[in-house]
Amino acid sequence: MKAEKTIISKQDIKRILTRIAHEILEAHRGVKDLALIGIQTRGDYLAKRLEQIIRDIEGTALPVGDMDINLYRDDWTKISYQPIVRPSNIPFDVDDKNIILVDDVLFTGRTIRAAMDALMDFGRPAQIELAVLVDRGHRELPVQADYKGVFINTDINDMVNVCLEEHDGEDRVFLAQD
């Protein structure tokens, strides 16, 4: 049985997202040609939260979308013979936009590679950046976050679990270890 240890609280998540929103605005000097796309499931909720924070700061709404990357994964047959595929919702033109992909945990980098492949089916962005709540290391591909909440040094077999109110009924991140 794995022992659980809360490593990020509800208040921490709010502070982290506020900091990331400010970093995005500083790097882009505002919201011109900027859009957020959350990687389903929890990245979608984080993208919507970031958009709300940015809207509160700038007074301007950003385009926000979400994408399912299951069929773009290079390991989908290992996960399930019949992966559950949900529709992607990107209700804006991605061409020439500065797209920020949003995800909950950055681990091997394979999810992000799949997300970039999926995004290219929607058009050609000017730039793709990555914002993550947690970076846990153990990369298999050369992927790094442009905007990172926290880095957590983990063992390869540890589980980093992100719980968000919209999906799980609570906000917290916990580490499950043997």
Protein backbone atom coordinates (compact mmCIF):
# COMPACT_ATOMS: atom_id res chain seq x y z
CA MET A 1 0.00 0.00 0.00
CA LYS A 2 1.28 3.43 -0.91
CA ALA A 3 1.54 6.15 1.74
CA GLU A 4 0.01 9.49 0.80
CA LYS A 5 1.61 12.82 1.60
CA THR A 6 -0.03 16.13 0.65
CA ILE A 7 2.62 18.28 -1.00
CA ILE A 8 0.53 21.17 -2.36
CA SER A 9 -2.54 22.58 -0.61
CA LYS A 10 -5.56 24.37 -2.03
CA GLN A 11 -4.03 27.73 -1.09
CA ASP A 12 -0.71 26.74 -2.68
CA ILE A 13 -2.46 25.88 -5.97
CA LYS A 14 -4.12 29.28 -6.03
CA ARG A 15 -0.80 31.07 -5.34
CA ILE A 16 1.03 28.99 -7.95
CA LEU A 17 -1.54 29.70 -10.66
CA THR A 18 -1.50 33.41 -9.84
CA ARG A 19 2.30 33.45 -10.15
CA ILE A 20 2.20 31.54 -13.44
CA ALA A 21 -0.42 33.95 -14.81
CA HIS A 22 1.84 36.91 -13.96
CA GLU A 23 4.85 35.17 -15.53
CA ILE A 24 2.88 34.58 -18.74
CA LEU A 25 1.76 38.20 -18.87
CA GLU A 26 5.28 39.45 -18.22
CA ALA A 27 6.82 37.19 -20.87
CA HIS A 28 4.20 38.15 -23.48
CA ARG A 29 3.77 41.76 -22.38
CA GLY A 30 0.03 41.29 -22.26
CA VAL A 31 -2.46 39.04 -23.99
CA LYS A 32 -2.10 39.90 -27.70
CA ASP A 33 -2.29 36.73 -29.86
CA LEU A 34 -2.21 34.56 -26.74
CA ALA A 35 -4.39 31.47 -26.18
CA LEU A 36 -4.51 28.65 -23.64
CA ILE A 37 -5.18 25.00 -24.40
CA GLY A 38 -5.61 22.56 -21.54
CA ILE A 39 -4.70 18.92 -21.94
CA GLN A 40 -7.66 16.86 -20.75
CA THR A 41 -8.60 16.30 -18.04
CA ARG A 42 -7.02 18.36 -15.30
CA GLY A 43 -5.00 20.57 -17.64
CA ASP A 44 -8.33 21.77 -19.00
CA TYR A 45 -9.45 22.97 -15.58
CA LEU A 46 -6.07 24.58 -14.89
CA ALA A 47 -6.21 26.43 -18.24
CA LYS A 48 -9.65 27.80 -17.38
CA ARG A 49 -8.42 28.93 -13.97
CA LEU A 50 -5.38 30.62 -15.52
CA GLU A 51 -7.63 32.38 -18.03
CA GLN A 52 -9.83 33.71 -15.22
CA ILE A 53 -6.81 35.03 -13.31
CA ILE A 54 -5.42 36.67 -16.45
CA ARG A 55 -8.84 38.17 -17.24
CA ASP A 56 -9.02 39.59 -13.70
CA ILE A 57 -5.57 41.16 -14.12
CA GLU A 58 -5.81 42.41 -17.72
CA GLY A 59 -9.55 42.91 -18.10
CA THR A 60 -9.46 40.86 -21.32
CA ALA A 61 -10.64 37.31 -21.93
CA LEU A 62 -8.28 34.89 -23.64
CA PRO A 63 -9.31 32.15 -26.04
CA VAL A 64 -9.30 28.84 -24.16
CA GLY A 65 -9.60 25.35 -25.54
CA ASP A 66 -8.99 21.79 -24.47
CA MET A 67 -7.70 18.72 -26.23
CA ASP A 68 -7.78 14.99 -25.86
CA ILE A 69 -4.43 13.53 -26.89
CA ASN A 70 -5.16 9.82 -26.35
CA LEU A 71 -4.93 8.80 -30.00
CA TYR A 72 -1.68 10.74 -30.41
CA ARG A 73 0.09 8.92 -27.58
CA ASP A 74 2.84 6.51 -28.53
CA ASP A 75 1.84 4.23 -25.65
CA TRP A 76 -1.95 4.11 -26.01
CA THR A 77 -1.97 0.38 -26.71
CA LYS A 78 -0.18 -0.17 -23.40
CA ILE A 79 -2.77 1.88 -21.54
CA SER A 80 -5.86 0.27 -23.07
CA TYR A 81 -6.84 -1.61 -26.20
CA GLN A 82 -9.82 0.70 -26.50
CA PRO A 83 -8.80 4.13 -25.21
CA ILE A 84 -11.56 6.50 -24.22
CA VAL A 85 -11.43 9.33 -26.71
CA ARG A 86 -13.16 12.59 -25.88
CA PRO A 87 -13.67 15.45 -28.28
CA SER A 88 -11.17 18.27 -28.36
CA ASN A 89 -12.66 21.74 -28.15
CA ILE A 90 -10.54 24.47 -29.70
CA PRO A 91 -13.08 27.11 -30.74
CA PHE A 92 -10.56 29.52 -32.27
CA ASP A 93 -8.01 29.62 -35.06
CA VAL A 94 -4.59 28.54 -33.73
CA ASP A 95 -2.69 29.89 -36.77
CA ASP A 96 -0.15 32.53 -35.75
CA LYS A 97 -1.26 32.41 -32.10
CA ASN A 98 1.06 32.05 -29.14
CA ILE A 99 -0.35 28.87 -27.64
CA ILE A 100 0.30 27.85 -24.07
CA LEU A 101 -0.39 24.19 -23.45
CA VAL A 102 -1.47 23.61 -19.86
CA ASP A 103 -1.11 20.32 -17.99
CA ASP A 104 -1.12 19.19 -14.40
CA VAL A 105 2.05 17.05 -14.18
CA LEU A 106 5.11 16.95 -16.43
CA PHE A 107 6.77 13.54 -16.22
CA THR A 108 8.32 11.76 -19.22
CA GLY A 109 7.38 14.41 -21.78
CA ARG A 110 5.40 11.97 -23.91
CA THR A 111 2.03 13.59 -23.17
CA ILE A 112 3.38 16.97 -24.28
CA ARG A 113 4.82 15.51 -27.48
CA ALA A 114 1.41 14.00 -28.21
CA ALA A 115 -0.28 17.34 -27.46
CA MET A 116 2.01 19.16 -29.89
CA ASP A 117 1.26 16.57 -32.58
CA ALA A 118 -2.48 16.95 -31.96
CA LEU A 119 -2.23 20.75 -32.00
CA MET A 120 -0.64 20.70 -35.45
CA ASP A 121 -3.82 19.12 -36.80
CA PHE A 122 -5.58 22.38 -35.89
CA GLY A 123 -3.13 24.70 -37.62
CA ARG A 124 0.27 26.32 -37.28
CA PRO A 125 0.79 28.36 -34.13
CA ALA A 126 3.43 31.09 -34.03
CA GLN A 127 4.75 29.60 -30.80
CA ILE A 128 3.95 26.76 -28.40
CA GLU A 129 4.83 27.04 -24.72
CA LEU A 130 4.09 24.81 -21.76
CA ALA A 131 2.70 25.60 -18.32
CA VAL A 132 2.51 22.87 -15.68
CA LEU A 133 1.48 22.76 -12.05
CA VAL A 134 4.06 20.08 -11.13
CA ASP A 135 7.30 18.99 -12.77
CA ARG A 136 8.41 15.66 -11.35
CA GLY A 137 11.42 14.98 -13.55
CA HIS A 138 12.28 11.64 -15.20
CA ARG A 139 12.13 12.96 -18.77
CA GLU A 140 12.31 10.53 -21.67
CA LEU A 141 12.01 13.28 -24.27
CA PRO A 142 13.66 16.73 -24.38
CA VAL A 143 10.65 18.64 -23.06
CA GLN A 144 10.68 21.37 -20.43
CA ALA A 145 8.05 23.69 -19.00
CA ASP A 146 8.22 27.41 -19.75
CA TYR A 147 6.03 28.07 -16.72
CA LYS A 148 6.33 25.68 -13.80
CA GLY A 149 4.52 25.64 -10.49
CA VAL A 150 6.84 23.40 -8.47
CA PHE A 151 9.50 20.80 -9.09
CA ILE A 152 9.12 17.71 -6.94
CA ASN A 153 12.00 15.28 -6.76
CA THR A 154 10.36 11.87 -7.07
CA ASP A 155 11.31 8.26 -7.42
CA ILE A 156 10.35 6.76 -10.78
CA ASN A 157 7.72 4.57 -9.07
CA ASP A 158 6.13 7.37 -7.03
CA MET A 159 2.71 8.67 -8.06
CA VAL A 160 2.00 12.40 -8.14
CA ASN A 161 -1.76 12.88 -7.95
CA VAL A 162 -3.42 16.20 -8.68
CA CYS A 163 -6.93 16.68 -7.33
CA LEU A 164 -8.97 19.62 -8.57
CA GLU A 165 -12.32 20.78 -7.23
CA GLU A 166 -13.99 20.66 -10.65
CA HIS A 167 -13.17 16.97 -11.15
CA ASP A 168 -12.24 15.50 -7.76
CA GLY A 169 -14.18 17.61 -5.26
CA GLU A 170 -11.04 19.09 -3.66
CA ASP A 171 -7.87 20.97 -4.52
CA ARG A 172 -4.60 19.35 -3.48
CA VAL A 173 -1.58 17.51 -4.83
CA PHE A 174 -0.32 14.45 -3.05
CA LEU A 175 2.57 12.07 -3.45
CA ALA A 176 1.92 8.34 -3.12
CA GLN A 177 5.02 6.33 -2.23
CA ASP A 178 5.74 2.71 -1.31
